[in-house]
Full PDB file with SEQRES, HELIX, SHEET, SSBOND, CRYST1, ORIGX, SCALE, CONECT and MASTER records, all heavy atoms in Angstrom:
SEQRES   1 A   32  LEU SER ALA TRP VAL ALA ARG SER ILE THR GLY ALA ILE          
SEQRES   2 A   32  ALA PHE GLN VAL ASN GLU ARG ASN PRO ARG PRO GLU PHE          
SEQRES   3 A   32  TRP VAL ASN GLY ILE TRP                                      
HELIX    1 AA1 TRP A   27  GLY A   30  5                                   4    
CRYST1    1.000    1.000    1.000  90.00  90.00  90.00 P 1           1          
ORIGX1      1.000000  0.000000  0.000000        0.00000                         
ORIGX2      0.000000  1.000000  0.000000        0.00000                         
ORIGX3      0.000000  0.000000  1.000000        0.00000                         
SCALE1      1.000000  0.000000  0.000000        0.00000                         
SCALE2      0.000000  1.000000  0.000000        0.00000                         
SCALE3      0.000000  0.000000  1.000000        0.00000                         
ATOM      1  N   LEU A   1      -6.268 -23.579  19.284  1.00  0.00           N  
ATOM      2  CA  LEU A   1      -7.688 -23.286  19.475  1.00  0.00           C  
ATOM      3  C   LEU A   1      -8.370 -23.358  18.137  1.00  0.00           C  
ATOM      4  O   LEU A   1      -9.464 -23.920  18.107  1.00  0.00           O  
ATOM      5  CB  LEU A   1      -7.876 -21.897  20.075  1.00  0.00           C  
ATOM      6  CG  LEU A   1      -7.372 -21.638  21.461  1.00  0.00           C  
ATOM      7  CD1 LEU A   1      -7.642 -20.221  21.925  1.00  0.00           C  
ATOM      8  CD2 LEU A   1      -8.011 -22.627  22.489  1.00  0.00           C  
ATOM      9  N   SER A   2      -7.846 -22.762  17.140  1.00  0.00           N  
ATOM     10  CA  SER A   2      -8.491 -22.813  15.781  1.00  0.00           C  
ATOM     11  C   SER A   2      -7.449 -22.324  14.747  1.00  0.00           C  
ATOM     12  O   SER A   2      -6.461 -21.748  15.083  1.00  0.00           O  
ATOM     13  CB  SER A   2      -9.726 -21.817  15.777  1.00  0.00           C  
ATOM     14  OG  SER A   2     -10.546 -22.105  14.653  1.00  0.00           O  
ATOM     15  N   ALA A   3      -7.789 -22.687  13.502  1.00  0.00           N  
ATOM     16  CA  ALA A   3      -6.879 -22.280  12.347  1.00  0.00           C  
ATOM     17  C   ALA A   3      -7.701 -22.197  11.168  1.00  0.00           C  
ATOM     18  O   ALA A   3      -8.700 -22.864  10.917  1.00  0.00           O  
ATOM     19  CB  ALA A   3      -5.765 -23.296  12.246  1.00  0.00           C  
ATOM     20  N   TRP A   4      -7.211 -21.380  10.177  1.00  0.00           N  
ATOM     21  CA  TRP A   4      -7.899 -21.178   8.889  1.00  0.00           C  
ATOM     22  C   TRP A   4      -6.818 -21.071   7.812  1.00  0.00           C  
ATOM     23  O   TRP A   4      -5.698 -20.752   8.075  1.00  0.00           O  
ATOM     24  CB  TRP A   4      -8.665 -19.826   8.934  1.00  0.00           C  
ATOM     25  CG  TRP A   4      -9.560 -19.724  10.182  1.00  0.00           C  
ATOM     26  CD1 TRP A   4     -10.931 -19.935  10.241  1.00  0.00           C  
ATOM     27  CD2 TRP A   4      -9.246 -19.221  11.479  1.00  0.00           C  
ATOM     28  NE1 TRP A   4     -11.455 -19.720  11.535  1.00  0.00           N  
ATOM     29  CE2 TRP A   4     -10.400 -19.270  12.241  1.00  0.00           C  
ATOM     30  CE3 TRP A   4      -8.020 -18.845  12.017  1.00  0.00           C  
ATOM     31  CZ2 TRP A   4     -10.397 -18.838  13.655  1.00  0.00           C  
ATOM     32  CZ3 TRP A   4      -7.960 -18.497  13.429  1.00  0.00           C  
ATOM     33  CH2 TRP A   4      -9.200 -18.500  14.164  1.00  0.00           C  
ATOM     34  N   VAL A   5      -7.276 -21.316   6.559  1.00  0.00           N  
ATOM     35  CA  VAL A   5      -6.486 -21.052   5.477  1.00  0.00           C  
ATOM     36  C   VAL A   5      -7.327 -20.489   4.329  1.00  0.00           C  
ATOM     37  O   VAL A   5      -8.503 -20.752   4.201  1.00  0.00           O  
ATOM     38  CB  VAL A   5      -5.861 -22.443   4.958  1.00  0.00           C  
ATOM     39  CG1 VAL A   5      -6.823 -23.393   4.490  1.00  0.00           C  
ATOM     40  CG2 VAL A   5      -4.788 -22.153   3.929  1.00  0.00           C  
ATOM     41  N   ALA A   6      -6.746 -19.515   3.602  1.00  0.00           N  
ATOM     42  CA  ALA A   6      -7.466 -18.869   2.552  1.00  0.00           C  
ATOM     43  C   ALA A   6      -6.475 -18.509   1.398  1.00  0.00           C  
ATOM     44  O   ALA A   6      -5.290 -18.432   1.584  1.00  0.00           O  
ATOM     45  CB  ALA A   6      -8.034 -17.523   3.075  1.00  0.00           C  
ATOM     46  N   ARG A   7      -7.113 -18.396   0.160  1.00  0.00           N  
ATOM     47  CA  ARG A   7      -6.323 -18.013  -0.947  1.00  0.00           C  
ATOM     48  C   ARG A   7      -6.858 -16.692  -1.540  1.00  0.00           C  
ATOM     49  O   ARG A   7      -8.084 -16.389  -1.383  1.00  0.00           O  
ATOM     50  CB  ARG A   7      -6.399 -19.128  -2.068  1.00  0.00           C  
ATOM     51  CG  ARG A   7      -7.732 -19.389  -2.591  1.00  0.00           C  
ATOM     52  CD  ARG A   7      -7.635 -20.251  -3.867  1.00  0.00           C  
ATOM     53  NE  ARG A   7      -7.221 -19.476  -5.020  1.00  0.00           N  
ATOM     54  CZ  ARG A   7      -6.986 -19.980  -6.196  1.00  0.00           C  
ATOM     55  NH1 ARG A   7      -7.103 -21.291  -6.444  1.00  0.00           N  
ATOM     56  NH2 ARG A   7      -6.635 -19.224  -7.202  1.00  0.00           N  
ATOM     57  N   SER A   8      -6.016 -15.994  -2.111  1.00  0.00           N  
ATOM     58  CA  SER A   8      -6.416 -14.702  -2.730  1.00  0.00           C  
ATOM     59  C   SER A   8      -7.076 -14.961  -4.086  1.00  0.00           C  
ATOM     60  O   SER A   8      -7.057 -16.083  -4.642  1.00  0.00           O  
ATOM     61  CB  SER A   8      -5.171 -13.842  -2.927  1.00  0.00           C  
ATOM     62  OG  SER A   8      -4.338 -14.397  -4.021  1.00  0.00           O  
ATOM     63  N   ILE A   9      -7.538 -13.872  -4.716  1.00  0.00           N  
ATOM     64  CA  ILE A   9      -7.931 -14.024  -6.058  1.00  0.00           C  
ATOM     65  C   ILE A   9      -6.676 -14.223  -6.987  1.00  0.00           C  
ATOM     66  O   ILE A   9      -5.585 -13.846  -6.548  1.00  0.00           O  
ATOM     67  CB  ILE A   9      -8.638 -12.691  -6.494  1.00  0.00           C  
ATOM     68  CG1 ILE A   9      -9.431 -12.896  -7.809  1.00  0.00           C  
ATOM     69  CG2 ILE A   9      -7.739 -11.515  -6.609  1.00  0.00           C  
ATOM     70  CD1 ILE A   9     -10.415 -11.791  -8.077  1.00  0.00           C  
ATOM     71  N   THR A  10      -6.865 -14.727  -8.096  1.00  0.00           N  
ATOM     72  CA  THR A  10      -5.657 -15.017  -8.990  1.00  0.00           C  
ATOM     73  C   THR A  10      -5.233 -13.804  -9.717  1.00  0.00           C  
ATOM     74  O   THR A  10      -6.022 -13.097 -10.355  1.00  0.00           O  
ATOM     75  CB  THR A  10      -5.994 -16.148  -9.965  1.00  0.00           C  
ATOM     76  OG1 THR A  10      -6.280 -17.379  -9.200  1.00  0.00           O  
ATOM     77  CG2 THR A  10      -4.803 -16.433 -10.834  1.00  0.00           C  
ATOM     78  N   GLY A  11      -3.937 -13.565  -9.721  1.00  0.00           N  
ATOM     79  CA  GLY A  11      -3.337 -12.541 -10.509  1.00  0.00           C  
ATOM     80  C   GLY A  11      -2.304 -13.133 -11.391  1.00  0.00           C  
ATOM     81  O   GLY A  11      -2.418 -14.286 -11.813  1.00  0.00           O  
ATOM     82  N   ALA A  12      -1.272 -12.412 -11.723  1.00  0.00           N  
ATOM     83  CA  ALA A  12      -0.186 -12.878 -12.592  1.00  0.00           C  
ATOM     84  C   ALA A  12       1.168 -12.345 -12.179  1.00  0.00           C  
ATOM     85  O   ALA A  12       1.207 -11.237 -11.423  1.00  0.00           O  
ATOM     86  CB  ALA A  12      -0.429 -12.549 -14.012  1.00  0.00           C  
ATOM     87  N   ILE A  13       2.244 -12.968 -12.575  1.00  0.00           N  
ATOM     88  CA  ILE A  13       3.547 -12.409 -12.319  1.00  0.00           C  
ATOM     89  C   ILE A  13       3.844 -11.464 -13.490  1.00  0.00           C  
ATOM     90  O   ILE A  13       3.784 -11.813 -14.644  1.00  0.00           O  
ATOM     91  CB  ILE A  13       4.674 -13.529 -12.261  1.00  0.00           C  
ATOM     92  CG1 ILE A  13       4.306 -14.517 -11.207  1.00  0.00           C  
ATOM     93  CG2 ILE A  13       5.989 -12.853 -12.068  1.00  0.00           C  
ATOM     94  CD1 ILE A  13       4.153 -13.946  -9.800  1.00  0.00           C  
ATOM     95  N   ALA A  14       4.124 -10.231 -13.193  1.00  0.00           N  
ATOM     96  CA  ALA A  14       4.413  -9.236 -14.150  1.00  0.00           C  
ATOM     97  C   ALA A  14       5.646  -9.465 -14.960  1.00  0.00           C  
ATOM     98  O   ALA A  14       6.441 -10.337 -14.570  1.00  0.00           O  
ATOM     99  CB  ALA A  14       4.471  -7.824 -13.502  1.00  0.00           C  
ATOM    100  N   PHE A  15       5.814  -8.791 -16.031  1.00  0.00           N  
ATOM    101  CA  PHE A  15       7.065  -8.875 -16.831  1.00  0.00           C  
ATOM    102  C   PHE A  15       8.142  -7.881 -16.412  1.00  0.00           C  
ATOM    103  O   PHE A  15       9.279  -7.962 -16.871  1.00  0.00           O  
ATOM    104  CB  PHE A  15       6.760  -8.687 -18.344  1.00  0.00           C  
ATOM    105  CG  PHE A  15       6.004  -9.876 -18.880  1.00  0.00           C  
ATOM    106  CD1 PHE A  15       4.637  -9.968 -19.005  1.00  0.00           C  
ATOM    107  CD2 PHE A  15       6.750 -11.008 -19.399  1.00  0.00           C  
ATOM    108  CE1 PHE A  15       3.988 -10.978 -19.602  1.00  0.00           C  
ATOM    109  CE2 PHE A  15       6.119 -12.035 -19.975  1.00  0.00           C  
ATOM    110  CZ  PHE A  15       4.737 -12.083 -20.037  1.00  0.00           C  
ATOM    111  N   GLN A  16       7.791  -6.923 -15.583  1.00  0.00           N  
ATOM    112  CA  GLN A  16       8.758  -6.052 -14.980  1.00  0.00           C  
ATOM    113  C   GLN A  16       8.432  -5.659 -13.593  1.00  0.00           C  
ATOM    114  O   GLN A  16       7.267  -5.761 -13.219  1.00  0.00           O  
ATOM    115  CB  GLN A  16       8.890  -4.748 -15.880  1.00  0.00           C  
ATOM    116  CG  GLN A  16       7.573  -3.922 -15.977  1.00  0.00           C  
ATOM    117  CD  GLN A  16       7.760  -2.726 -16.916  1.00  0.00           C  
ATOM    118  OE1 GLN A  16       8.620  -2.781 -17.842  1.00  0.00           O  
ATOM    119  NE2 GLN A  16       6.948  -1.679 -16.719  1.00  0.00           N  
ATOM    120  N   VAL A  17       9.432  -5.243 -12.835  1.00  0.00           N  
ATOM    121  CA  VAL A  17       9.247  -4.935 -11.405  1.00  0.00           C  
ATOM    122  C   VAL A  17       8.673  -3.576 -11.311  1.00  0.00           C  
ATOM    123  O   VAL A  17       9.071  -2.607 -11.964  1.00  0.00           O  
ATOM    124  CB  VAL A  17      10.648  -5.044 -10.720  1.00  0.00           C  
ATOM    125  CG1 VAL A  17      10.432  -4.632  -9.251  1.00  0.00           C  
ATOM    126  CG2 VAL A  17      11.238  -6.455 -10.792  1.00  0.00           C  
ATOM    127  N   ASN A  18       7.731  -3.439 -10.428  1.00  0.00           N  
ATOM    128  CA  ASN A  18       7.217  -2.157 -10.042  1.00  0.00           C  
ATOM    129  C   ASN A  18       8.203  -1.481  -9.106  1.00  0.00           C  
ATOM    130  O   ASN A  18       8.293  -1.793  -7.871  1.00  0.00           O  
ATOM    131  CB  ASN A  18       5.838  -2.272  -9.280  1.00  0.00           C  
ATOM    132  CG  ASN A  18       5.265  -0.968  -8.885  1.00  0.00           C  
ATOM    133  OD1 ASN A  18       5.676   0.080  -9.358  1.00  0.00           O  
ATOM    134  ND2 ASN A  18       4.284  -1.069  -7.946  1.00  0.00           N  
ATOM    135  N   GLU A  19       8.966  -0.520  -9.631  1.00  0.00           N  
ATOM    136  CA  GLU A  19       9.992   0.173  -8.864  1.00  0.00           C  
ATOM    137  C   GLU A  19       9.367   1.173  -7.786  1.00  0.00           C  
ATOM    138  O   GLU A  19      10.084   1.573  -6.959  1.00  0.00           O  
ATOM    139  CB  GLU A  19      10.952   0.935  -9.730  1.00  0.00           C  
ATOM    140  CG  GLU A  19      11.660   0.094 -10.792  1.00  0.00           C  
ATOM    141  CD  GLU A  19      12.590  -0.960 -10.197  1.00  0.00           C  
ATOM    142  OE1 GLU A  19      12.859  -0.839  -8.971  1.00  0.00           O  
ATOM    143  OE2 GLU A  19      13.053  -1.845 -10.863  1.00  0.00           O  
ATOM    144  N   ARG A  20       8.102   1.394  -7.938  1.00  0.00           N  
ATOM    145  CA  ARG A  20       7.429   2.326  -6.933  1.00  0.00           C  
ATOM    146  C   ARG A  20       6.521   1.475  -6.017  1.00  0.00           C  
ATOM    147  O   ARG A  20       5.434   2.003  -5.633  1.00  0.00           O  
ATOM    148  CB  ARG A  20       6.592   3.345  -7.762  1.00  0.00           C  
ATOM    149  CG  ARG A  20       7.427   4.283  -8.576  1.00  0.00           C  
ATOM    150  CD  ARG A  20       6.643   5.325  -9.275  1.00  0.00           C  
ATOM    151  NE  ARG A  20       5.838   4.710 -10.349  1.00  0.00           N  
ATOM    152  CZ  ARG A  20       4.966   5.398 -11.095  1.00  0.00           C  
ATOM    153  NH1 ARG A  20       4.774   6.703 -10.937  1.00  0.00           N  
ATOM    154  NH2 ARG A  20       4.312   4.779 -12.081  1.00  0.00           N  
ATOM    155  N   ASN A  21       6.985   0.298  -5.628  1.00  0.00           N  
ATOM    156  CA  ASN A  21       6.232  -0.509  -4.701  1.00  0.00           C  
ATOM    157  C   ASN A  21       6.018   0.261  -3.430  1.00  0.00           C  
ATOM    158  O   ASN A  21       7.060   0.589  -2.719  1.00  0.00           O  
ATOM    159  CB  ASN A  21       7.014  -1.743  -4.507  1.00  0.00           C  
ATOM    160  CG  ASN A  21       6.361  -2.703  -3.563  1.00  0.00           C  
ATOM    161  OD1 ASN A  21       5.257  -2.475  -3.118  1.00  0.00           O  
ATOM    162  ND2 ASN A  21       7.024  -3.862  -3.183  1.00  0.00           N  
ATOM    163  N   PRO A  22       4.823   0.455  -3.010  1.00  0.00           N  
ATOM    164  CA  PRO A  22       4.614   1.355  -1.770  1.00  0.00           C  
ATOM    165  C   PRO A  22       4.927   0.569  -0.514  1.00  0.00           C  
ATOM    166  O   PRO A  22       5.048   1.169   0.554  1.00  0.00           O  
ATOM    167  CB  PRO A  22       3.087   1.655  -1.856  1.00  0.00           C  
ATOM    168  CG  PRO A  22       2.546   0.595  -2.676  1.00  0.00           C  
ATOM    169  CD  PRO A  22       3.535   0.193  -3.676  1.00  0.00           C  
ATOM    170  N   ARG A  23       4.997  -0.748  -0.564  1.00  0.00           N  
ATOM    171  CA  ARG A  23       5.397  -1.530   0.534  1.00  0.00           C  
ATOM    172  C   ARG A  23       6.457  -2.569   0.233  1.00  0.00           C  
ATOM    173  O   ARG A  23       6.306  -3.763   0.071  1.00  0.00           O  
ATOM    174  CB  ARG A  23       4.101  -2.374   1.065  1.00  0.00           C  
ATOM    175  CG  ARG A  23       3.029  -1.474   1.546  1.00  0.00           C  
ATOM    176  CD  ARG A  23       1.633  -2.133   1.578  1.00  0.00           C  
ATOM    177  NE  ARG A  23       1.690  -3.327   2.470  1.00  0.00           N  
ATOM    178  CZ  ARG A  23       0.637  -4.151   2.501  1.00  0.00           C  
ATOM    179  NH1 ARG A  23      -0.423  -3.982   1.806  1.00  0.00           N  
ATOM    180  NH2 ARG A  23       0.717  -5.194   3.351  1.00  0.00           N  
ATOM    181  N   PRO A  24       7.679  -1.962   0.099  1.00  0.00           N  
ATOM    182  CA  PRO A  24       8.872  -2.847  -0.446  1.00  0.00           C  
ATOM    183  C   PRO A  24       9.236  -4.015   0.503  1.00  0.00           C  
ATOM    184  O   PRO A  24       9.880  -4.916   0.054  1.00  0.00           O  
ATOM    185  CB  PRO A  24       9.907  -1.759  -0.541  1.00  0.00           C  
ATOM    186  CG  PRO A  24       9.554  -0.713   0.395  1.00  0.00           C  
ATOM    187  CD  PRO A  24       8.096  -0.625   0.260  1.00  0.00           C  
ATOM    188  N   GLU A  25       8.814  -3.936   1.738  1.00  0.00           N  
ATOM    189  CA  GLU A  25       9.153  -5.039   2.728  1.00  0.00           C  
ATOM    190  C   GLU A  25       8.498  -6.288   2.210  1.00  0.00           C  
ATOM    191  O   GLU A  25       9.082  -7.422   2.396  1.00  0.00           O  
ATOM    192  CB  GLU A  25       8.711  -4.702   4.109  1.00  0.00           C  
ATOM    193  CG  GLU A  25       9.291  -3.458   4.739  1.00  0.00           C  
ATOM    194  CD  GLU A  25       8.464  -2.176   4.393  1.00  0.00           C  
ATOM    195  OE1 GLU A  25       7.515  -2.324   3.648  1.00  0.00           O  
ATOM    196  OE2 GLU A  25       8.802  -1.121   4.876  1.00  0.00           O  
ATOM    197  N   PHE A  26       7.291  -6.183   1.573  1.00  0.00           N  
ATOM    198  CA  PHE A  26       6.647  -7.413   1.082  1.00  0.00           C  
ATOM    199  C   PHE A  26       6.984  -7.379  -0.366  1.00  0.00           C  
ATOM    200  O   PHE A  26       6.252  -6.829  -1.315  1.00  0.00           O  
ATOM    201  CB  PHE A  26       5.079  -7.266   1.268  1.00  0.00           C  
ATOM    202  CG  PHE A  26       4.277  -8.377   0.783  1.00  0.00           C  
ATOM    203  CD1 PHE A  26       4.717  -9.696   0.963  1.00  0.00           C  
ATOM    204  CD2 PHE A  26       3.189  -8.248   0.072  1.00  0.00           C  
ATOM    205  CE1 PHE A  26       3.989 -10.764   0.527  1.00  0.00           C  
ATOM    206  CE2 PHE A  26       2.374  -9.267  -0.440  1.00  0.00           C  
ATOM    207  CZ  PHE A  26       2.861 -10.525  -0.177  1.00  0.00           C  
ATOM    208  N   TRP A  27       8.098  -8.036  -0.814  1.00  0.00           N  
ATOM    209  CA  TRP A  27       8.658  -7.906  -2.091  1.00  0.00           C  
ATOM    210  C   TRP A  27       7.730  -8.431  -3.261  1.00  0.00           C  
ATOM    211  O   TRP A  27       7.871  -7.973  -4.366  1.00  0.00           O  
ATOM    212  CB  TRP A  27      10.041  -8.579  -2.181  1.00  0.00           C  
ATOM    213  CG  TRP A  27      10.112 -10.046  -1.981  1.00  0.00           C  
ATOM    214  CD1 TRP A  27      10.220 -10.700  -0.784  1.00  0.00           C  
ATOM    215  CD2 TRP A  27      10.005 -11.033  -3.000  1.00  0.00           C  
ATOM    216  NE1 TRP A  27      10.283 -12.061  -0.974  1.00  0.00           N  
ATOM    217  CE2 TRP A  27      10.060 -12.326  -2.300  1.00  0.00           C  
ATOM    218  CE3 TRP A  27       9.754 -10.993  -4.338  1.00  0.00           C  
ATOM    219  CZ2 TRP A  27      10.045 -13.471  -3.003  1.00  0.00           C  
ATOM    220  CZ3 TRP A  27       9.722 -12.207  -5.024  1.00  0.00           C  
ATOM    221  CH2 TRP A  27       9.799 -13.493  -4.382  1.00  0.00           C  
ATOM    222  N   VAL A  28       6.880  -9.320  -2.907  1.00  0.00           N  
ATOM    223  CA  VAL A  28       5.969  -9.864  -3.964  1.00  0.00           C  
ATOM    224  C   VAL A  28       5.045  -8.740  -4.446  1.00  0.00           C  
ATOM    225  O   VAL A  28       4.608  -8.838  -5.683  1.00  0.00           O  
ATOM    226  CB  VAL A  28       5.089 -11.060  -3.357  1.00  0.00           C  
ATOM    227  CG1 VAL A  28       4.008 -11.473  -4.336  1.00  0.00           C  
ATOM    228  CG2 VAL A  28       6.007 -12.180  -3.008  1.00  0.00           C  
ATOM    229  N   ASN A  29       4.880  -7.672  -3.711  1.00  0.00           N  
ATOM    230  CA  ASN A  29       4.055  -6.555  -4.209  1.00  0.00           C  
ATOM    231  C   ASN A  29       4.618  -6.003  -5.538  1.00  0.00           C  
ATOM    232  O   ASN A  29       3.885  -5.450  -6.281  1.00  0.00           O  
ATOM    233  CB  ASN A  29       4.117  -5.399  -3.178  1.00  0.00           C  
ATOM    234  CG  ASN A  29       3.018  -5.639  -2.022  1.00  0.00           C  
ATOM    235  OD1 ASN A  29       2.172  -6.381  -2.199  1.00  0.00           O  
ATOM    236  ND2 ASN A  29       3.091  -4.774  -1.047  1.00  0.00           N  
ATOM    237  N   GLY A  30       5.904  -6.113  -5.665  1.00  0.00           N  
ATOM    238  CA  GLY A  30       6.591  -5.517  -6.857  1.00  0.00           C  
ATOM    239  C   GLY A  30       6.365  -6.269  -8.081  1.00  0.00           C  
ATOM    240  O   GLY A  30       6.820  -5.794  -9.202  1.00  0.00           O  
ATOM    241  N   ILE A  31       5.816  -7.516  -8.038  1.00  0.00           N  
ATOM    242  CA  ILE A  31       5.707  -8.320  -9.301  1.00  0.00           C  
ATOM    243  C   ILE A  31       4.326  -8.975  -9.399  1.00  0.00           C  
ATOM    244  O   ILE A  31       4.010  -9.424 -10.496  1.00  0.00           O  
ATOM    245  CB  ILE A  31       6.810  -9.414  -9.374  1.00  0.00           C  
ATOM    246  CG1 ILE A  31       6.828 -10.256  -7.997  1.00  0.00           C  
ATOM    247  CG2 ILE A  31       8.144  -8.810  -9.663  1.00  0.00           C  
ATOM    248  CD1 ILE A  31       7.690 -11.430  -8.088  1.00  0.00           C  
ATOM    249  N   TRP A  32       3.564  -8.996  -8.405  1.00  0.00           N  
ATOM    250  CA  TRP A  32       2.199  -9.633  -8.474  1.00  0.00           C  
ATOM    251  C   TRP A  32       1.253  -8.596  -9.128  1.00  0.00           C  
ATOM    252  O   TRP A  32       1.045  -7.505  -8.523  1.00  0.00           O  
ATOM    253  CB  TRP A  32       1.800 -10.069  -7.018  1.00  0.00           C  
ATOM    254  CG  TRP A  32       0.590 -10.919  -7.030  1.00  0.00           C  
ATOM    255  CD1 TRP A  32       0.008 -11.608  -8.013  1.00  0.00           C  
ATOM    256  CD2 TRP A  32      -0.237 -11.198  -5.888  1.00  0.00           C  
ATOM    257  NE1 TRP A  32      -1.124 -12.298  -7.597  1.00  0.00           N  
ATOM    258  CE2 TRP A  32      -1.233 -12.066  -6.310  1.00  0.00           C  
ATOM    259  CE3 TRP A  32      -0.242 -10.745  -4.527  1.00  0.00           C  
ATOM    260  CZ2 TRP A  32      -2.260 -12.479  -5.402  1.00  0.00           C  
ATOM    261  CZ3 TRP A  32      -1.157 -11.156  -3.713  1.00  0.00           C  
ATOM    262  CH2 TRP A  32      -2.167 -12.072  -4.132  1.00  0.00           C  
TER     263      TRP A  32                                                      
MASTER        0    0    0    1    0    0    0    6  262    1    0    3          
END                                                                             
């Protein structure tokens, strides 16, 4: 029926992992 594509604002890959990632299932949260 329809489709869309979008991009987020640009961030960066961190130099260390966020060990307190509140949503660990989405692992990119820990480094974006």
